[in-house]
Amino acid sequence: MLHLKLFECNNLEECSEVAKGIIDNFIENRMIYDELNYYKNNKQLLGKHPIFREFQRRKELINIGIKELMIRKSRLENNIWRVQSEINKKNKPHLETERTQKLEAYKRELEEINRLLE
């Protein structure tokens, strides 16, 4: 889909955005391929893909007490606000992808904490 958009670009900025998306997708696909290929050859997980860090974080959350969950919840809410503020400034476009990924990870962890606290 993004490859088709690359040929439909009207200006340099639009082409840059589409190319960035293509590169991000390639990197993600390559990490997934590495995980699958390693498993195919070794029958073990490589564990380098960011999703494994998320699974580990969820495992840790399950074993934490309510007081610590509330503290983490407060920190996550502050982190979400801070990262969202940095994204809204748009003063460092080269960090936008990284910041967006951080924001999404913080939001997923906050959702998990809220689920555990219910």
C-alpha atoms as a PDB file:
ATOM      1  CA  MET A   1       0.000   0.000   0.000  1.00  0.00           C
ATOM      2  CA  LEU A   2       2.733   2.477   0.938  1.00  0.00           C
ATOM      3  CA  HIS A   3       4.726   1.573  -2.169  1.00  0.00           C
ATOM      4  CA  LEU A   4       1.830   2.730  -4.338  1.00  0.00           C
ATOM      5  CA  LYS A   5       1.572   5.976  -2.378  1.00  0.00           C
ATOM      6  CA  LEU A   6       5.263   6.609  -3.022  1.00  0.00           C
ATOM      7  CA  PHE A   7       4.559   6.968  -6.721  1.00  0.00           C
ATOM      8  CA  GLU A   8       1.590   9.251  -6.065  1.00  0.00           C
ATOM      9  CA  CYS A   9       3.531  11.833  -4.024  1.00  0.00           C
ATOM     10  CA  ASN A  10       3.059  15.447  -5.017  1.00  0.00           C
ATOM     11  CA  ASN A  11       5.793  17.078  -2.966  1.00  0.00           C
ATOM     12  CA  LEU A  12       9.023  16.256  -1.173  1.00  0.00           C
ATOM     13  CA  GLU A  13       7.482  16.327   2.309  1.00  0.00           C
ATOM     14  CA  GLU A  14       4.802  13.824   1.347  1.00  0.00           C
ATOM     15  CA  CYS A  15       7.405  11.537  -0.255  1.00  0.00           C
ATOM     16  CA  SER A  16       9.516  11.772   2.886  1.00  0.00           C
ATOM     17  CA  GLU A  17       6.591  10.714   5.101  1.00  0.00           C
ATOM     18  CA  VAL A  18       5.705   7.760   2.865  1.00  0.00           C
ATOM     19  CA  ALA A  19       9.357   6.673   2.615  1.00  0.00           C
ATOM     20  CA  LYS A  20       9.657   6.847   6.412  1.00  0.00           C
ATOM     21  CA  GLY A  21       6.621   4.571   6.724  1.00  0.00           C
ATOM     22  CA  ILE A  22       8.079   2.117   4.222  1.00  0.00           C
ATOM     23  CA  ILE A  23      11.377   1.996   6.105  1.00  0.00           C
ATOM     24  CA  ASP A  24       9.622   1.529   9.461  1.00  0.00           C
ATOM     25  CA  ASN A  25       7.560  -1.329   8.025  1.00  0.00           C
ATOM     26  CA  PHE A  26      10.679  -2.935   6.560  1.00  0.00           C
ATOM     27  CA  ILE A  27      12.492  -2.793   9.902  1.00  0.00           C
ATOM     28  CA  GLU A  28       9.478  -4.295  11.701  1.00  0.00           C
ATOM     29  CA  ASN A  29       9.150  -7.060   9.118  1.00  0.00           C
ATOM     30  CA  ARG A  30      12.866  -7.801   9.319  1.00  0.00           C
ATOM     31  CA  MET A  31      12.723  -8.175  13.113  1.00  0.00           C
ATOM     32  CA  ILE A  32       9.777 -10.572  12.770  1.00  0.00           C
ATOM     33  CA  TYR A  33      11.608 -12.537  10.071  1.00  0.00           C
ATOM     34  CA  ASP A  34      14.699 -12.819  12.299  1.00  0.00           C
ATOM     35  CA  GLU A  35      12.570 -14.148  15.164  1.00  0.00           C
ATOM     36  CA  LEU A  36      10.828 -16.723  12.980  1.00  0.00           C
ATOM     37  CA  ASN A  37      14.003 -17.813  11.245  1.00  0.00           C
ATOM     38  CA  TYR A  38      15.862 -18.202  14.549  1.00  0.00           C
ATOM     39  CA  TYR A  39      12.997 -20.279  15.943  1.00  0.00           C
ATOM     40  CA  LYS A  40      12.926 -22.422  12.822  1.00  0.00           C
ATOM     41  CA  ASN A  41      16.647 -23.171  13.112  1.00  0.00           C
ATOM     42  CA  ASN A  42      17.037 -23.427  16.914  1.00  0.00           C
ATOM     43  CA  LYS A  43      13.557 -24.273  18.264  1.00  0.00           C
ATOM     44  CA  GLN A  44      14.014 -21.418  20.766  1.00  0.00           C
ATOM     45  CA  LEU A  45      12.889 -17.813  20.856  1.00  0.00           C
ATOM     46  CA  LEU A  46      15.430 -15.175  19.948  1.00  0.00           C
ATOM     47  CA  GLY A  47      13.519 -12.665  22.070  1.00  0.00           C
ATOM     48  CA  LYS A  48      14.873  -9.457  20.514  1.00  0.00           C
ATOM     49  CA  HIS A  49      11.585  -8.184  19.101  1.00  0.00           C
ATOM     50  CA  PRO A  50      10.020  -5.420  21.261  1.00  0.00           C
ATOM     51  CA  ILE A  51       6.886  -7.520  21.832  1.00  0.00           C
ATOM     52  CA  PHE A  52       8.893  -9.809  24.107  1.00  0.00           C
ATOM     53  CA  ARG A  53       9.770  -6.875  26.365  1.00  0.00           C
ATOM     54  CA  GLU A  54       6.068  -6.120  26.565  1.00  0.00           C
ATOM     55  CA  PHE A  55       5.250  -9.714  27.564  1.00  0.00           C
ATOM     56  CA  GLN A  56       7.953  -9.572  30.235  1.00  0.00           C
ATOM     57  CA  ARG A  57       6.569  -6.274  31.527  1.00  0.00           C
ATOM     58  CA  ARG A  58       3.061  -7.803  31.759  1.00  0.00           C
ATOM     59  CA  LYS A  59       4.444 -10.760  33.681  1.00  0.00           C
ATOM     60  CA  GLU A  60       6.084  -8.364  36.136  1.00  0.00           C
ATOM     61  CA  LEU A  61       2.865  -6.381  36.576  1.00  0.00           C
ATOM     62  CA  ILE A  62       0.929  -9.489  37.565  1.00  0.00           C
ATOM     63  CA  ASN A  63       3.341 -10.102  40.447  1.00  0.00           C
ATOM     64  CA  ILE A  64       3.301  -6.518  41.783  1.00  0.00           C
ATOM     65  CA  GLY A  65       1.195  -5.400  44.742  1.00  0.00           C
ATOM     66  CA  ILE A  66      -1.605  -2.861  44.482  1.00  0.00           C
ATOM     67  CA  LYS A  67       0.419  -0.051  46.066  1.00  0.00           C
ATOM     68  CA  GLU A  68       3.214  -0.457  43.528  1.00  0.00           C
ATOM     69  CA  LEU A  69       0.664  -0.679  40.684  1.00  0.00           C
ATOM     70  CA  MET A  70      -0.825   2.651  41.771  1.00  0.00           C
ATOM     71  CA  ILE A  71       2.641   4.244  41.825  1.00  0.00           C
ATOM     72  CA  ARG A  72       3.387   2.873  38.356  1.00  0.00           C
ATOM     73  CA  LYS A  73       0.037   4.082  37.111  1.00  0.00           C
ATOM     74  CA  SER A  74       0.818   7.609  38.265  1.00  0.00           C
ATOM     75  CA  ARG A  75       4.270   7.509  36.644  1.00  0.00           C
ATOM     76  CA  LEU A  76       2.838   6.187  33.389  1.00  0.00           C
ATOM     77  CA  GLU A  77       0.243   8.938  33.273  1.00  0.00           C
ATOM     78  CA  ASN A  78       3.032  11.502  33.716  1.00  0.00           C
ATOM     79  CA  ASN A  79       5.155   9.789  31.053  1.00  0.00           C
ATOM     80  CA  ILE A  80       2.235   9.753  28.616  1.00  0.00           C
ATOM     81  CA  TRP A  81       1.635  13.456  29.189  1.00  0.00           C
ATOM     82  CA  ARG A  82       5.353  14.257  28.755  1.00  0.00           C
ATOM     83  CA  VAL A  83       5.828  12.224  25.559  1.00  0.00           C
ATOM     84  CA  GLN A  84       2.576  13.557  24.095  1.00  0.00           C
ATOM     85  CA  SER A  85       3.783  17.074  24.837  1.00  0.00           C
ATOM     86  CA  GLU A  86       7.107  16.376  23.097  1.00  0.00           C
ATOM     87  CA  ILE A  87       5.306  14.977  20.055  1.00  0.00           C
ATOM     88  CA  ASN A  88       3.009  18.010  19.880  1.00  0.00           C
ATOM     89  CA  LYS A  89       5.992  20.406  19.849  1.00  0.00           C
ATOM     90  CA  LYS A  90       7.190  18.862  16.555  1.00  0.00           C
ATOM     91  CA  ASN A  91      10.657  20.299  17.164  1.00  0.00           C
ATOM     92  CA  LYS A  92      12.512  17.010  16.573  1.00  0.00           C
ATOM     93  CA  PRO A  93      10.892  15.161  13.658  1.00  0.00           C
ATOM     94  CA  HIS A  94      13.682  12.572  13.579  1.00  0.00           C
ATOM     95  CA  LEU A  95      12.511  11.355  17.020  1.00  0.00           C
ATOM     96  CA  GLU A  96       8.803  11.225  16.164  1.00  0.00           C
ATOM     97  CA  THR A  97       8.712   7.495  15.380  1.00  0.00           C
ATOM     98  CA  GLU A  98      10.549   6.592  18.570  1.00  0.00           C
ATOM     99  CA  ARG A  99       8.338   8.882  20.652  1.00  0.00           C
ATOM    100  CA  THR A 100       5.167   7.498  19.086  1.00  0.00           C
ATOM    101  CA  GLN A 101       6.293   3.947  19.848  1.00  0.00           C
ATOM    102  CA  LYS A 102       7.071   4.937  23.446  1.00  0.00           C
ATOM    103  CA  LEU A 103       3.683   6.583  23.802  1.00  0.00           C
ATOM    104  CA  GLU A 104       1.897   3.493  22.502  1.00  0.00           C
ATOM    105  CA  ALA A 105       3.891   1.245  24.859  1.00  0.00           C
ATOM    106  CA  TYR A 106       3.074   3.488  27.836  1.00  0.00           C
ATOM    107  CA  LYS A 107      -0.611   3.450  26.919  1.00  0.00           C
ATOM    108  CA  ARG A 108      -0.662  -0.350  26.598  1.00  0.00           C
ATOM    109  CA  GLU A 109       1.031  -0.735  29.983  1.00  0.00           C
ATOM    110  CA  LEU A 110      -1.422   1.727  31.546  1.00  0.00           C
ATOM    111  CA  GLU A 111      -4.335  -0.259  30.090  1.00  0.00           C
ATOM    112  CA  GLU A 112      -2.889  -3.443  31.578  1.00  0.00           C
ATOM    113  CA  ILE A 113      -2.473  -1.791  34.990  1.00  0.00           C
ATOM    114  CA  ASN A 114      -6.048  -0.466  34.882  1.00  0.00           C
ATOM    115  CA  ARG A 115      -7.265  -3.944  33.965  1.00  0.00           C
ATOM    116  CA  LEU A 116      -5.371  -5.459  36.900  1.00  0.00           C
ATOM    117  CA  LEU A 117      -6.698  -2.834  39.316  1.00  0.00           C
ATOM    118  CA  GLU A 118     -10.343  -3.520  38.416  1.00  0.00           C
END
